[in-house]
Amino acid sequence: MIKASITSKGQITIPKEIREYLSLDTGDNIVFRVDEAKKIVTFEKDIETVKCPMCFGNGEFDSHGSVHDKHVNLKCPVCQSSGLIKTDISAFQEIANLMHVSMKYSIAVSLIQRDEDPAKKLIPVIKLTSKLYPQDILNRLQDYYQVRLIDECAPKNFSDQTKFMNPSDSALDEILCLLQTFEAREKVRNWFRYDRNIFSPNK
């Protein structure tokens, strides 16, 4: 049990162990939740969220005639049907979350570290398969995670870690081959050849 005292001004210092456990830092906001029935107050770090880029905040995909020729609303596994995703989560955390709910969404997930090709060896490859989701949606989902992996794992410029290194055309082609859709390939190509800043608004 960890205790803390309230000051005369009604303030409290969050113990170091709790700050570390919740990854709290100066300037972070805290959300308090009140359970009136149990008379319990809990708090957690306020994590910023944005509209899910896959389902556009709807929590599901509108699929016409893709599954057994019927109108089917397929739940979005990226936001887990909530319509929102956290902004301070890594690609590997997102993929771990997907693996955790993969059976619920009928999606098989594999993450492969390829060592035989220098252009790819630092970038894990994600593969998604499903008998429920149509291939076009599955390609978009797979590219979402693969782009996140490229963003985090591709070598960065030594003098400016916010920018990617400039690979040869053949090395860049190898990286782009990891992606299924034209939109994802163009986004990543622009990172390396034009803006190359991973914090670009185009991201």
Protein backbone atom coordinates (compact mmCIF):
# COMPACT_ATOMS: atom_id res chain seq x y z
CA MET A 1 0.00 0.00 0.00
CA ILE A 2 1.30 3.45 -0.95
CA LYS A 3 0.13 6.50 1.01
CA ALA A 4 0.36 10.27 0.52
CA SER A 5 -0.74 13.23 2.68
CA ILE A 6 -2.98 16.14 1.68
CA THR A 7 -1.48 19.60 2.27
CA SER A 8 -3.32 22.52 3.86
CA LYS A 9 -4.08 23.76 0.34
CA GLY A 10 -5.79 20.49 -0.55
CA GLN A 11 -2.90 19.30 -2.73
CA ILE A 12 -1.29 15.88 -2.88
CA THR A 13 2.02 14.66 -4.28
CA ILE A 14 1.64 11.54 -6.39
CA PRO A 15 4.24 9.06 -5.09
CA LYS A 16 7.17 8.26 -7.37
CA GLU A 17 6.16 4.61 -7.69
CA ILE A 18 2.73 5.62 -9.04
CA ARG A 19 4.18 8.26 -11.39
CA GLU A 20 6.52 5.66 -12.87
CA TYR A 21 3.78 3.04 -13.11
CA LEU A 22 1.47 5.41 -15.03
CA SER A 23 4.35 7.09 -16.95
CA LEU A 24 3.30 10.46 -15.56
CA ASP A 25 5.44 13.51 -16.23
CA THR A 26 5.27 17.26 -15.65
CA GLY A 27 2.40 18.78 -17.63
CA ASP A 28 0.45 15.51 -17.99
CA ASN A 29 -3.27 15.65 -17.27
CA ILE A 30 -5.08 13.21 -15.00
CA VAL A 31 -8.66 11.97 -15.31
CA PHE A 32 -10.58 11.17 -12.11
CA ARG A 33 -13.41 8.66 -12.26
CA VAL A 34 -16.03 8.45 -9.49
CA ASP A 35 -17.93 5.27 -8.63
CA GLU A 36 -20.75 6.68 -6.52
CA ALA A 37 -22.19 3.28 -5.69
CA LYS A 38 -18.93 2.01 -4.19
CA LYS A 39 -17.71 5.46 -3.09
CA ILE A 40 -14.41 4.87 -4.88
CA VAL A 41 -12.39 7.42 -6.85
CA THR A 42 -9.79 6.22 -9.33
CA PHE A 43 -7.49 8.21 -11.56
CA GLU A 44 -5.48 7.57 -14.71
CA LYS A 45 -3.30 9.40 -17.16
CA ASP A 46 -5.32 11.36 -19.71
CA ILE A 47 -4.21 9.93 -23.06
CA GLU A 48 -5.02 11.92 -26.18
CA THR A 49 -7.08 10.13 -28.79
CA VAL A 50 -7.86 10.80 -32.45
CA LYS A 51 -10.43 9.49 -34.88
CA CYS A 52 -9.47 6.06 -36.20
CA PRO A 53 -7.98 6.48 -39.71
CA MET A 54 -9.22 3.06 -40.81
CA CYS A 55 -12.94 3.30 -40.05
CA PHE A 56 -12.97 7.14 -39.94
CA GLY A 57 -14.36 7.09 -36.42
CA ASN A 58 -17.34 4.85 -37.23
CA GLY A 59 -16.04 1.79 -35.38
CA GLU A 60 -16.92 -0.44 -38.33
CA PHE A 61 -16.50 -0.86 -42.07
CA ASP A 62 -19.47 -0.62 -44.40
CA SER A 63 -18.97 -3.61 -46.70
CA HIS A 64 -21.38 -4.06 -49.61
CA GLY A 65 -21.63 -7.53 -51.08
CA SER A 66 -18.21 -8.60 -49.81
CA VAL A 67 -19.29 -11.41 -47.52
CA HIS A 68 -21.81 -13.93 -48.89
CA ASP A 69 -23.25 -11.19 -51.13
CA LYS A 70 -24.90 -9.45 -48.20
CA HIS A 71 -24.64 -5.96 -46.70
CA VAL A 72 -22.37 -6.54 -43.71
CA ASN A 73 -21.02 -4.12 -41.12
CA LEU A 74 -17.60 -5.39 -40.08
CA LYS A 75 -16.16 -4.16 -36.79
CA CYS A 76 -12.87 -2.25 -36.94
CA PRO A 77 -10.07 -4.11 -35.12
CA VAL A 78 -7.71 -1.10 -35.13
CA CYS A 79 -9.84 0.94 -32.72
CA GLN A 80 -11.64 -2.17 -31.43
CA SER A 81 -14.97 -0.71 -32.58
CA SER A 82 -14.59 2.46 -30.48
CA GLY A 83 -13.85 4.84 -33.36
CA LEU A 84 -10.85 6.30 -31.50
CA ILE A 85 -7.16 5.38 -31.21
CA LYS A 86 -4.52 6.53 -28.75
CA THR A 87 -1.83 8.87 -30.09
CA ASP A 88 0.99 7.88 -27.74
CA ILE A 89 1.04 4.16 -28.52
CA SER A 90 3.82 2.45 -30.46
CA ALA A 91 3.35 0.23 -33.51
CA PHE A 92 4.36 -2.81 -31.48
CA GLN A 93 1.84 -1.96 -28.77
CA GLU A 94 -0.87 -1.58 -31.41
CA ILE A 95 0.02 -4.93 -32.95
CA ALA A 96 0.06 -6.55 -29.50
CA ASN A 97 -3.43 -5.16 -28.92
CA LEU A 98 -4.55 -6.59 -32.27
CA MET A 99 -3.13 -10.00 -31.40
CA HIS A 100 -4.96 -9.89 -28.09
CA VAL A 101 -8.35 -9.47 -29.84
CA SER A 102 -7.54 -11.38 -33.03
CA MET A 103 -9.94 -14.24 -32.28
CA LYS A 104 -12.75 -11.81 -31.51
CA TYR A 105 -12.32 -10.18 -34.93
CA SER A 106 -11.49 -13.43 -36.79
CA ILE A 107 -8.13 -12.15 -37.98
CA ALA A 108 -4.91 -14.15 -37.89
CA VAL A 109 -1.80 -12.05 -37.21
CA SER A 110 1.84 -12.94 -37.85
CA LEU A 111 4.84 -10.70 -37.29
CA ILE A 112 8.02 -11.74 -39.09
CA GLN A 113 11.54 -10.40 -38.67
CA ARG A 114 13.33 -10.85 -42.00
CA ASP A 115 17.12 -11.04 -41.90
CA GLU A 116 18.09 -12.04 -45.41
CA ASP A 117 17.67 -8.60 -46.99
CA PRO A 118 19.57 -5.53 -45.63
CA ALA A 119 16.79 -3.21 -46.77
CA LYS A 120 14.18 -5.15 -44.80
CA LYS A 121 16.05 -6.65 -41.87
CA LEU A 122 15.29 -3.76 -39.53
CA ILE A 123 11.62 -3.65 -40.50
CA PRO A 124 9.39 -6.49 -39.25
CA VAL A 125 6.74 -7.67 -41.70
CA ILE A 126 3.13 -8.05 -40.58
CA LYS A 127 0.72 -10.42 -42.32
CA LEU A 128 -3.04 -10.50 -41.74
CA THR A 129 -5.38 -13.22 -42.95
CA SER A 130 -9.11 -13.60 -42.47
CA LYS A 131 -12.07 -15.47 -43.93
CA LEU A 132 -14.42 -12.75 -42.69
CA TYR A 133 -12.89 -9.49 -43.94
CA PRO A 134 -12.79 -8.87 -47.71
CA GLN A 135 -9.32 -8.55 -49.24
CA ASP A 136 -9.52 -4.79 -49.92
CA ILE A 137 -10.22 -4.04 -46.24
CA LEU A 138 -7.63 -6.59 -45.15
CA ASN A 139 -5.01 -4.91 -47.37
CA ARG A 140 -5.79 -1.52 -45.85
CA LEU A 141 -5.57 -2.92 -42.33
CA GLN A 142 -2.28 -4.67 -43.04
CA ASP A 143 -0.81 -1.53 -44.61
CA TYR A 144 -1.87 0.55 -41.60
CA TYR A 145 0.28 -1.58 -39.31
CA GLN A 146 3.10 -2.02 -41.85
CA VAL A 147 3.38 1.76 -42.37
CA ARG A 148 3.57 2.17 -38.59
CA LEU A 149 6.39 -0.41 -38.47
CA ILE A 150 8.28 1.35 -41.26
CA ASP A 151 7.82 4.66 -39.45
CA GLU A 152 9.32 3.27 -36.24
CA CYS A 153 11.93 0.84 -37.57
CA ALA A 154 13.38 2.27 -40.78
CA PRO A 155 16.86 3.78 -40.25
CA LYS A 156 16.79 7.48 -39.42
CA ASN A 157 19.24 10.25 -40.32
CA PHE A 158 22.08 10.25 -37.77
CA SER A 159 22.19 14.05 -37.59
CA ASP A 160 18.41 14.48 -37.44
CA GLN A 161 16.45 11.61 -35.94
CA THR A 162 13.15 13.10 -37.13
CA LYS A 163 14.11 12.25 -40.73
CA PHE A 164 14.71 9.00 -42.55
CA MET A 165 17.98 8.07 -44.20
CA ASN A 166 17.97 8.34 -47.99
CA PRO A 167 18.06 4.76 -49.35
CA SER A 168 18.96 3.79 -52.90
CA ASP A 169 16.10 3.31 -55.36
CA SER A 170 16.42 -0.46 -55.14
CA ALA A 171 16.42 -0.40 -51.32
CA LEU A 172 13.37 1.86 -51.31
CA ASP A 173 11.60 -0.47 -53.75
CA GLU A 174 12.24 -3.36 -51.36
CA ILE A 175 10.62 -1.39 -48.54
CA LEU A 176 7.65 -0.39 -50.72
CA CYS A 177 7.14 -4.07 -51.64
CA LEU A 178 6.05 -4.61 -48.04
CA LEU A 179 2.89 -2.60 -48.77
CA GLN A 180 -0.27 -3.67 -50.58
CA THR A 181 -2.02 -0.44 -51.55
CA PHE A 182 -1.01 2.44 -53.81
CA GLU A 183 -1.92 5.01 -51.14
CA ALA A 184 0.38 3.45 -48.54
CA ARG A 185 3.26 3.10 -51.03
CA GLU A 186 2.97 6.75 -52.06
CA LYS A 187 2.88 7.91 -48.44
CA VAL A 188 6.05 6.00 -47.59
CA ARG A 189 7.77 7.00 -50.85
CA ASN A 190 7.15 10.65 -49.95
CA TRP A 191 8.67 10.13 -46.50
CA PHE A 192 11.93 8.95 -48.05
CA ARG A 193 12.08 11.02 -51.23
CA TYR A 194 10.31 14.31 -50.56
CA ASP A 195 9.20 15.42 -47.08
CA ARG A 196 11.04 12.52 -45.37
CA ASN A 197 9.96 14.07 -42.07
CA ILE A 198 7.95 11.49 -40.16
CA PHE A 199 6.07 14.30 -38.41
CA SER A 200 4.87 15.79 -41.70
CA PRO A 201 1.16 16.69 -41.88
CA ASN A 202 0.94 14.13 -44.71
CA LYS A 203 1.46 11.40 -42.16
